[in-house]
Amino acid sequence: MNWNQKVKDKVYYFVSDIHLGRKGNKSNEEKIFSFLEFARRNAAGIFLLGDLFDFWWEYKTCIPKENLRFFFWIESLIKEGVKVYCLPGNHDWTLGKFLSRLGAIVSPEMEILLEGKPVFLTHGDFLDDSFLTSLSRFAYRSSIVRFLFSLLHPNLGLPLAKDFISFPGGSAWQAHLERIFKEFAQRKIEEGFFLCCLGHIHSPSLEKMGNGYYLNTGDWLSNFTYGFLKGEEVGLARWE
């Protein structure tokens, strides 16, 4: 995908790994809505880099009701002229049809010109070969598994899936992922991208690499961080 966007005095925002619907995270969810209220004032575009929900599944005739408030916000932003881009992650890979109907641009990865600079964006879970991430990725993308899951009533299927989805722990594995993500970003910058923006690992980072930048947007479970691009300025900030 390629778009050329240049909006004077506007900001492009990047967020990921909100994990709406996670048990025990209700109080933290209010922070993302206050952030969206802030961003709507000067946002040219908002990039949602995956794992917006702790688990997402679209049945033919219904969606999880607990997520409606977030969709109301997205629709409101789009109607106000803010471009919303969604790049699904390993927790919400099937996200897309409903958001597309609201007017969001959905793709697993994007190559886009922002402020005249080439930017690469994706969630990044394909770089993570841990057992649980690989298993969830297979389950989401297997037509057989998806068909069998669709046969379950939502009241049974959704709680079951939420109990299954989780992150692999361990500081050693986290350090491994951080290294793998930086190496991937370095390759993208060497290909000519000004900015490589990733999520997934819940490790906020902004690093200058040669002629470009690696940005990891962090998460909204403990870090509450977001990235931004304003003119040629790339930033990473924490929402208080």
C-alpha atoms as a PDB file:
ATOM      1  CA  MET A   1       0.000   0.000   0.000  1.00  0.00           C
ATOM      2  CA  ASN A   2       1.244   3.466  -0.797  1.00  0.00           C
ATOM      3  CA  TRP A   3      -0.287   6.829   0.046  1.00  0.00           C
ATOM      4  CA  ASN A   4       1.304  10.257   0.053  1.00  0.00           C
ATOM      5  CA  GLN A   5       0.061  12.389   2.927  1.00  0.00           C
ATOM      6  CA  LYS A   6       1.347  15.850   3.915  1.00  0.00           C
ATOM      7  CA  VAL A   7      -0.762  17.939   6.267  1.00  0.00           C
ATOM      8  CA  LYS A   8       0.528  21.225   7.690  1.00  0.00           C
ATOM      9  CA  ASP A   9       0.661  21.468  11.497  1.00  0.00           C
ATOM     10  CA  LYS A  10      -0.852  18.016  11.846  1.00  0.00           C
ATOM     11  CA  VAL A  11       0.452  14.984  13.706  1.00  0.00           C
ATOM     12  CA  TYR A  12       0.447  11.285  12.887  1.00  0.00           C
ATOM     13  CA  TYR A  13      -0.018   9.081  15.957  1.00  0.00           C
ATOM     14  CA  PHE A  14       1.004   5.442  16.429  1.00  0.00           C
ATOM     15  CA  VAL A  15      -0.399   3.148  19.136  1.00  0.00           C
ATOM     16  CA  SER A  16      -0.555  -0.603  19.671  1.00  0.00           C
ATOM     17  CA  ASP A  17      -1.214  -3.362  22.172  1.00  0.00           C
ATOM     18  CA  ILE A  18      -4.141  -1.815  23.999  1.00  0.00           C
ATOM     19  CA  HIS A  19      -5.627  -5.249  24.769  1.00  0.00           C
ATOM     20  CA  LEU A  20      -9.166  -4.038  25.360  1.00  0.00           C
ATOM     21  CA  GLY A  21     -11.189  -6.658  27.191  1.00  0.00           C
ATOM     22  CA  ARG A  22      -8.326  -8.178  29.170  1.00  0.00           C
ATOM     23  CA  LYS A  23      -9.336  -9.272  32.657  1.00  0.00           C
ATOM     24  CA  GLY A  24      -8.319  -6.767  35.312  1.00  0.00           C
ATOM     25  CA  ASN A  25      -7.562  -4.036  32.781  1.00  0.00           C
ATOM     26  CA  LYS A  26     -10.838  -2.111  32.883  1.00  0.00           C
ATOM     27  CA  SER A  27      -9.500   0.904  34.776  1.00  0.00           C
ATOM     28  CA  ASN A  28      -6.563   1.267  32.375  1.00  0.00           C
ATOM     29  CA  GLU A  29      -8.840   1.231  29.335  1.00  0.00           C
ATOM     30  CA  GLU A  30     -10.099   4.719  30.177  1.00  0.00           C
ATOM     31  CA  LYS A  31      -6.645   6.067  29.356  1.00  0.00           C
ATOM     32  CA  ILE A  32      -6.888   5.168  25.683  1.00  0.00           C
ATOM     33  CA  PHE A  33     -10.171   7.058  25.374  1.00  0.00           C
ATOM     34  CA  SER A  34      -8.690  10.158  26.998  1.00  0.00           C
ATOM     35  CA  PHE A  35      -5.746   9.861  24.615  1.00  0.00           C
ATOM     36  CA  LEU A  36      -8.076   9.691  21.601  1.00  0.00           C
ATOM     37  CA  GLU A  37      -9.845  12.811  22.880  1.00  0.00           C
ATOM     38  CA  PHE A  38      -6.457  14.540  22.968  1.00  0.00           C
ATOM     39  CA  ALA A  39      -5.318  13.250  19.563  1.00  0.00           C
ATOM     40  CA  ARG A  40      -8.483  14.218  17.705  1.00  0.00           C
ATOM     41  CA  ARG A  41      -7.568  17.914  18.006  1.00  0.00           C
ATOM     42  CA  ASN A  42      -4.580  17.760  15.653  1.00  0.00           C
ATOM     43  CA  ALA A  43      -4.384  14.248  14.206  1.00  0.00           C
ATOM     44  CA  ALA A  44      -3.909  13.856  10.476  1.00  0.00           C
ATOM     45  CA  GLY A  45      -3.906  10.101  10.954  1.00  0.00           C
ATOM     46  CA  ILE A  46      -3.924   7.480  13.696  1.00  0.00           C
ATOM     47  CA  PHE A  47      -2.181   4.156  13.126  1.00  0.00           C
ATOM     48  CA  LEU A  48      -3.405   1.245  15.263  1.00  0.00           C
ATOM     49  CA  LEU A  49      -0.642  -1.350  15.101  1.00  0.00           C
ATOM     50  CA  GLY A  50      -2.430  -4.435  16.341  1.00  0.00           C
ATOM     51  CA  ASP A  51      -3.626  -6.169  19.488  1.00  0.00           C
ATOM     52  CA  LEU A  52      -6.225  -3.498  20.039  1.00  0.00           C
ATOM     53  CA  PHE A  53      -8.265  -6.227  21.704  1.00  0.00           C
ATOM     54  CA  ASP A  54      -7.106  -9.044  23.930  1.00  0.00           C
ATOM     55  CA  PHE A  55      -9.135 -11.291  21.640  1.00  0.00           C
ATOM     56  CA  TRP A  56     -11.252 -10.412  18.648  1.00  0.00           C
ATOM     57  CA  TRP A  57     -13.611 -12.542  16.625  1.00  0.00           C
ATOM     58  CA  GLU A  58     -16.261 -11.425  14.162  1.00  0.00           C
ATOM     59  CA  TYR A  59     -19.191 -13.801  13.868  1.00  0.00           C
ATOM     60  CA  LYS A  60     -21.438 -13.437  10.838  1.00  0.00           C
ATOM     61  CA  THR A  61     -24.190 -11.743  12.805  1.00  0.00           C
ATOM     62  CA  CYS A  62     -22.531 -10.303  15.923  1.00  0.00           C
ATOM     63  CA  ILE A  63     -19.432  -8.738  17.441  1.00  0.00           C
ATOM     64  CA  PRO A  64     -18.407  -8.578  21.136  1.00  0.00           C
ATOM     65  CA  LYS A  65     -20.561  -5.885  22.758  1.00  0.00           C
ATOM     66  CA  GLU A  66     -17.825  -4.853  25.213  1.00  0.00           C
ATOM     67  CA  ASN A  67     -15.887  -3.271  22.343  1.00  0.00           C
ATOM     68  CA  LEU A  68     -18.611  -0.990  20.996  1.00  0.00           C
ATOM     69  CA  ARG A  69     -17.346   2.163  22.704  1.00  0.00           C
ATOM     70  CA  PHE A  70     -14.012   1.879  20.924  1.00  0.00           C
ATOM     71  CA  PHE A  71     -15.718   1.530  17.551  1.00  0.00           C
ATOM     72  CA  PHE A  72     -17.887   4.582  18.274  1.00  0.00           C
ATOM     73  CA  TRP A  73     -14.680   6.534  18.817  1.00  0.00           C
ATOM     74  CA  ILE A  74     -13.121   5.282  15.581  1.00  0.00           C
ATOM     75  CA  GLU A  75     -16.232   6.149  13.597  1.00  0.00           C
ATOM     76  CA  SER A  76     -16.326   9.622  15.167  1.00  0.00           C
ATOM     77  CA  LEU A  77     -12.688  10.291  14.277  1.00  0.00           C
ATOM     78  CA  ILE A  78     -13.192   9.173  10.687  1.00  0.00           C
ATOM     79  CA  LYS A  79     -16.267  11.383  10.303  1.00  0.00           C
ATOM     80  CA  GLU A  80     -14.186  14.327  11.540  1.00  0.00           C
ATOM     81  CA  GLY A  81     -11.670  13.709   8.764  1.00  0.00           C
ATOM     82  CA  VAL A  82      -8.985  11.820  10.691  1.00  0.00           C
ATOM     83  CA  LYS A  83      -7.608   8.910   8.695  1.00  0.00           C
ATOM     84  CA  VAL A  84      -7.529   5.726  10.752  1.00  0.00           C
ATOM     85  CA  TYR A  85      -5.256   2.856   9.764  1.00  0.00           C
ATOM     86  CA  CYS A  86      -5.428  -0.590  11.349  1.00  0.00           C
ATOM     87  CA  LEU A  87      -2.722  -3.258  11.204  1.00  0.00           C
ATOM     88  CA  PRO A  88      -4.044  -6.398  12.978  1.00  0.00           C
ATOM     89  CA  GLY A  89      -1.890  -8.326  15.460  1.00  0.00           C
ATOM     90  CA  ASN A  90      -1.809 -11.887  16.733  1.00  0.00           C
ATOM     91  CA  HIS A  91      -4.633 -11.191  19.210  1.00  0.00           C
ATOM     92  CA  ASP A  92      -6.989  -9.635  16.657  1.00  0.00           C
ATOM     93  CA  TRP A  93      -5.924 -11.011  13.275  1.00  0.00           C
ATOM     94  CA  THR A  94      -9.524 -11.304  12.037  1.00  0.00           C
ATOM     95  CA  LEU A  95     -10.150  -7.633  12.790  1.00  0.00           C
ATOM     96  CA  GLY A  96     -10.882  -5.793   9.587  1.00  0.00           C
ATOM     97  CA  LYS A  97     -14.323  -6.282   8.094  1.00  0.00           C
ATOM     98  CA  PHE A  98     -16.152  -4.220  10.687  1.00  0.00           C
ATOM     99  CA  LEU A  99     -13.487  -1.519  10.828  1.00  0.00           C
ATOM    100  CA  SER A 100     -13.440  -1.326   7.035  1.00  0.00           C
ATOM    101  CA  ARG A 101     -17.174  -0.672   7.042  1.00  0.00           C
ATOM    102  CA  LEU A 102     -16.544   2.266   9.366  1.00  0.00           C
ATOM    103  CA  GLY A 103     -14.027   3.696   6.903  1.00  0.00           C
ATOM    104  CA  ALA A 104     -10.713   2.561   8.391  1.00  0.00           C
ATOM    105  CA  ILE A 105      -7.877   1.415   6.127  1.00  0.00           C
ATOM    106  CA  VAL A 106      -6.899  -2.140   7.098  1.00  0.00           C
ATOM    107  CA  SER A 107      -3.788  -4.079   6.097  1.00  0.00           C
ATOM    108  CA  PRO A 108      -1.338  -6.431   7.907  1.00  0.00           C
ATOM    109  CA  GLU A 109       1.543  -4.171   6.884  1.00  0.00           C
ATOM    110  CA  MET A 110       1.865  -0.789   5.228  1.00  0.00           C
ATOM    111  CA  GLU A 111       4.435   1.150   3.256  1.00  0.00           C
ATOM    112  CA  ILE A 112       3.332   4.750   3.212  1.00  0.00           C
ATOM    113  CA  LEU A 113       4.734   8.221   2.598  1.00  0.00           C
ATOM    114  CA  LEU A 114       4.141  10.532   5.567  1.00  0.00           C
ATOM    115  CA  GLU A 115       5.455  14.080   5.406  1.00  0.00           C
ATOM    116  CA  GLY A 116       7.226  12.957   2.239  1.00  0.00           C
ATOM    117  CA  LYS A 117       9.138  10.267   4.159  1.00  0.00           C
ATOM    118  CA  PRO A 118       8.820   6.504   3.517  1.00  0.00           C
ATOM    119  CA  VAL A 119       7.432   4.685   6.558  1.00  0.00           C
ATOM    120  CA  PHE A 120       7.060   0.939   7.156  1.00  0.00           C
ATOM    121  CA  LEU A 121       4.491  -0.295   9.689  1.00  0.00           C
ATOM    122  CA  THR A 122       3.353  -3.689  10.946  1.00  0.00           C
ATOM    123  CA  HIS A 123       2.493  -5.319  14.274  1.00  0.00           C
ATOM    124  CA  GLY A 124       5.538  -7.589  14.167  1.00  0.00           C
ATOM    125  CA  ASP A 125       4.262 -10.855  15.636  1.00  0.00           C
ATOM    126  CA  PHE A 126       5.679 -12.784  12.664  1.00  0.00           C
ATOM    127  CA  LEU A 127       9.122 -12.076  14.147  1.00  0.00           C
ATOM    128  CA  ASP A 128       8.123 -13.880  17.370  1.00  0.00           C
ATOM    129  CA  ASP A 129       8.552 -17.660  17.109  1.00  0.00           C
ATOM    130  CA  SER A 130       7.558 -18.449  20.701  1.00  0.00           C
ATOM    131  CA  PHE A 131       5.192 -21.397  21.104  1.00  0.00           C
ATOM    132  CA  LEU A 132       2.089 -19.505  22.241  1.00  0.00           C
ATOM    133  CA  THR A 133       2.435 -16.735  19.666  1.00  0.00           C
ATOM    134  CA  SER A 134       3.029 -19.264  16.888  1.00  0.00           C
ATOM    135  CA  LEU A 135       0.058 -21.322  18.051  1.00  0.00           C
ATOM    136  CA  SER A 136      -2.305 -18.340  18.192  1.00  0.00           C
ATOM    137  CA  ARG A 137      -1.084 -17.187  14.785  1.00  0.00           C
ATOM    138  CA  PHE A 138      -1.775 -20.638  13.316  1.00  0.00           C
ATOM    139  CA  ALA A 139      -5.212 -20.849  14.940  1.00  0.00           C
ATOM    140  CA  TYR A 140      -6.275 -17.431  13.645  1.00  0.00           C
ATOM    141  CA  ARG A 141      -5.138 -18.141  10.090  1.00  0.00           C
ATOM    142  CA  SER A 142      -6.198 -21.776   9.746  1.00  0.00           C
ATOM    143  CA  SER A 143      -9.457 -22.032   7.783  1.00  0.00           C
ATOM    144  CA  ILE A 144     -10.308 -25.299   9.570  1.00  0.00           C
ATOM    145  CA  VAL A 145      -9.769 -23.890  13.071  1.00  0.00           C
ATOM    146  CA  ARG A 146     -11.680 -20.735  12.188  1.00  0.00           C
ATOM    147  CA  PHE A 147     -14.597 -22.771  10.847  1.00  0.00           C
ATOM    148  CA  LEU A 148     -14.741 -24.975  13.955  1.00  0.00           C
ATOM    149  CA  PHE A 149     -14.525 -21.959  16.262  1.00  0.00           C
ATOM    150  CA  SER A 150     -17.355 -20.235  14.399  1.00  0.00           C
ATOM    151  CA  LEU A 151     -19.605 -23.167  15.349  1.00  0.00           C
ATOM    152  CA  LEU A 152     -19.255 -22.319  19.043  1.00  0.00           C
ATOM    153  CA  HIS A 153     -21.803 -19.971  20.566  1.00  0.00           C
ATOM    154  CA  PRO A 154     -20.186 -16.582  21.371  1.00  0.00           C
ATOM    155  CA  ASN A 155     -20.997 -17.006  25.079  1.00  0.00           C
ATOM    156  CA  LEU A 156     -18.789 -20.105  25.072  1.00  0.00           C
ATOM    157  CA  GLY A 157     -16.230 -19.357  22.369  1.00  0.00           C
ATOM    158  CA  LEU A 158     -15.148 -15.865  23.416  1.00  0.00           C
ATOM    159  CA  PRO A 159     -14.392 -16.636  27.111  1.00  0.00           C
ATOM    160  CA  LEU A 160     -12.617 -19.843  26.075  1.00  0.00           C
ATOM    161  CA  ALA A 161     -10.388 -17.991  23.623  1.00  0.00           C
ATOM    162  CA  LYS A 162      -9.585 -15.222  26.124  1.00  0.00           C
ATOM    163  CA  ASP A 163      -8.391 -17.804  28.642  1.00  0.00           C
ATOM    164  CA  PHE A 164      -6.146 -19.336  25.984  1.00  0.00           C
ATOM    165  CA  ILE A 165      -4.530 -16.141  24.695  1.00  0.00           C
ATOM    166  CA  SER A 166      -1.540 -14.982  26.755  1.00  0.00           C
ATOM    167  CA  PHE A 167       1.998 -13.714  26.391  1.00  0.00           C
ATOM    168  CA  PRO A 168       5.093 -15.873  26.943  1.00  0.00           C
ATOM    169  CA  GLY A 169       7.035 -14.564  29.908  1.00  0.00           C
ATOM    170  CA  GLY A 170      10.665 -14.348  30.890  1.00  0.00           C
ATOM    171  CA  SER A 171      13.227 -11.576  30.755  1.00  0.00           C
ATOM    172  CA  ALA A 172      15.576 -13.649  28.573  1.00  0.00           C
ATOM    173  CA  TRP A 173      12.893 -14.098  25.918  1.00  0.00           C
ATOM    174  CA  GLN A 174      11.983 -10.415  26.108  1.00  0.00           C
ATOM    175  CA  ALA A 175      15.600  -9.443  25.496  1.00  0.00           C
ATOM    176  CA  HIS A 176      15.694 -11.839  22.540  1.00  0.00           C
ATOM    177  CA  LEU A 177      12.605 -10.229  21.008  1.00  0.00           C
ATOM    178  CA  GLU A 178      13.945  -6.718  21.490  1.00  0.00           C
ATOM    179  CA  ARG A 179      17.121  -7.697  19.640  1.00  0.00           C
ATOM    180  CA  ILE A 180      15.195  -9.396  16.794  1.00  0.00           C
ATOM    181  CA  PHE A 181      12.919  -6.383  16.360  1.00  0.00           C
ATOM    182  CA  LYS A 182      15.838  -3.954  16.243  1.00  0.00           C
ATOM    183  CA  GLU A 183      17.613  -6.091  13.651  1.00  0.00           C
ATOM    184  CA  PHE A 184      14.464  -6.141  11.514  1.00  0.00           C
ATOM    185  CA  ALA A 185      14.096  -2.367  11.807  1.00  0.00           C
ATOM    186  CA  GLN A 186      17.746  -1.910  10.839  1.00  0.00           C
ATOM    187  CA  ARG A 187      17.175  -3.895   7.649  1.00  0.00           C
ATOM    188  CA  LYS A 188      14.125  -1.823   6.768  1.00  0.00           C
ATOM    189  CA  ILE A 189      16.019   1.423   7.277  1.00  0.00           C
ATOM    190  CA  GLU A 190      18.842   0.117   5.111  1.00  0.00           C
ATOM    191  CA  GLU A 191      16.202  -0.510   2.429  1.00  0.00           C
ATOM    192  CA  GLY A 192      15.485   3.211   2.483  1.00  0.00           C
ATOM    193  CA  PHE A 193      12.681   3.689   5.015  1.00  0.00           C
ATOM    194  CA  PHE A 194      12.824   6.786   7.214  1.00  0.00           C
ATOM    195  CA  LEU A 195      10.803   5.116   9.962  1.00  0.00           C
ATOM    196  CA  CYS A 196      10.119   1.489  10.885  1.00  0.00           C
ATOM    197  CA  CYS A 197       7.235   1.301  13.355  1.00  0.00           C
ATOM    198  CA  LEU A 198       6.418  -1.949  15.200  1.00  0.00           C
ATOM    199  CA  GLY A 199       4.465  -3.136  18.247  1.00  0.00           C
ATOM    200  CA  HIS A 200       3.874  -6.569  19.830  1.00  0.00           C
ATOM    201  CA  ILE A 201       6.682  -6.784  22.398  1.00  0.00           C
ATOM    202  CA  HIS A 202       5.331  -4.200  24.899  1.00  0.00           C
ATOM    203  CA  SER A 203       8.728  -2.539  24.984  1.00  0.00           C
ATOM    204  CA  PRO A 204       8.543   1.162  24.030  1.00  0.00           C
ATOM    205  CA  SER A 205      11.612   2.254  22.131  1.00  0.00           C
ATOM    206  CA  LEU A 206      12.788   5.043  19.866  1.00  0.00           C
ATOM    207  CA  GLU A 207      16.228   4.624  18.351  1.00  0.00           C
ATOM    208  CA  LYS A 208      18.083   6.506  15.634  1.00  0.00           C
ATOM    209  CA  MET A 209      19.536   4.087  13.104  1.00  0.00           C
ATOM    210  CA  GLY A 210      21.620   5.572  10.329  1.00  0.00           C
ATOM    211  CA  ASN A 211      19.340   7.791   8.268  1.00  0.00           C
ATOM    212  CA  GLY A 212      16.169   6.554   9.921  1.00  0.00           C
ATOM    213  CA  TYR A 213      14.386   5.627  13.134  1.00  0.00           C
ATOM    214  CA  TYR A 214      13.110   2.494  14.820  1.00  0.00           C
ATOM    215  CA  LEU A 215       9.952   3.109  16.839  1.00  0.00           C
ATOM    216  CA  ASN A 216       8.254   0.532  19.014  1.00  0.00           C
ATOM    217  CA  THR A 217       4.987   1.890  20.325  1.00  0.00           C
ATOM    218  CA  GLY A 218       4.984  -0.094  23.581  1.00  0.00           C
ATOM    219  CA  ASP A 219       1.616  -0.958  25.117  1.00  0.00           C
ATOM    220  CA  TRP A 220      -1.377   0.263  27.123  1.00  0.00           C
ATOM    221  CA  LEU A 221      -1.238  -2.341  29.886  1.00  0.00           C
ATOM    222  CA  SER A 222       1.659  -0.864  31.848  1.00  0.00           C
ATOM    223  CA  ASN A 223       3.571   1.671  29.717  1.00  0.00           C
ATOM    224  CA  PHE A 224       0.740   3.715  28.114  1.00  0.00           C
ATOM    225  CA  THR A 225       3.005   4.952  25.333  1.00  0.00           C
ATOM    226  CA  TYR A 226       2.420   6.272  21.844  1.00  0.00           C
ATOM    227  CA  GLY A 227       4.590   7.404  18.970  1.00  0.00           C
ATOM    228  CA  PHE A 228       4.137  10.445  16.799  1.00  0.00           C
ATOM    229  CA  LEU A 229       5.453  12.043  13.632  1.00  0.00           C
ATOM    230  CA  LYS A 230       5.235  15.810  13.235  1.00  0.00           C
ATOM    231  CA  GLY A 231       7.087  17.231  10.278  1.00  0.00           C
ATOM    232  CA  GLU A 232      10.450  15.484  10.461  1.00  0.00           C
ATOM    233  CA  GLU A 233      10.241  14.988  14.230  1.00  0.00           C
ATOM    234  CA  VAL A 234       9.753  11.409  15.421  1.00  0.00           C
ATOM    235  CA  GLY A 235       8.761  11.067  19.063  1.00  0.00           C
ATOM    236  CA  LEU A 236       7.750   8.610  21.754  1.00  0.00           C
ATOM    237  CA  ALA A 237       5.666   9.787  24.709  1.00  0.00           C
ATOM    238  CA  ARG A 238       3.869   8.393  27.729  1.00  0.00           C
ATOM    239  CA  TRP A 239       0.218   9.210  28.361  1.00  0.00           C
ATOM    240  CA  GLU A 240      -0.327  10.193  31.981  1.00  0.00           C
END
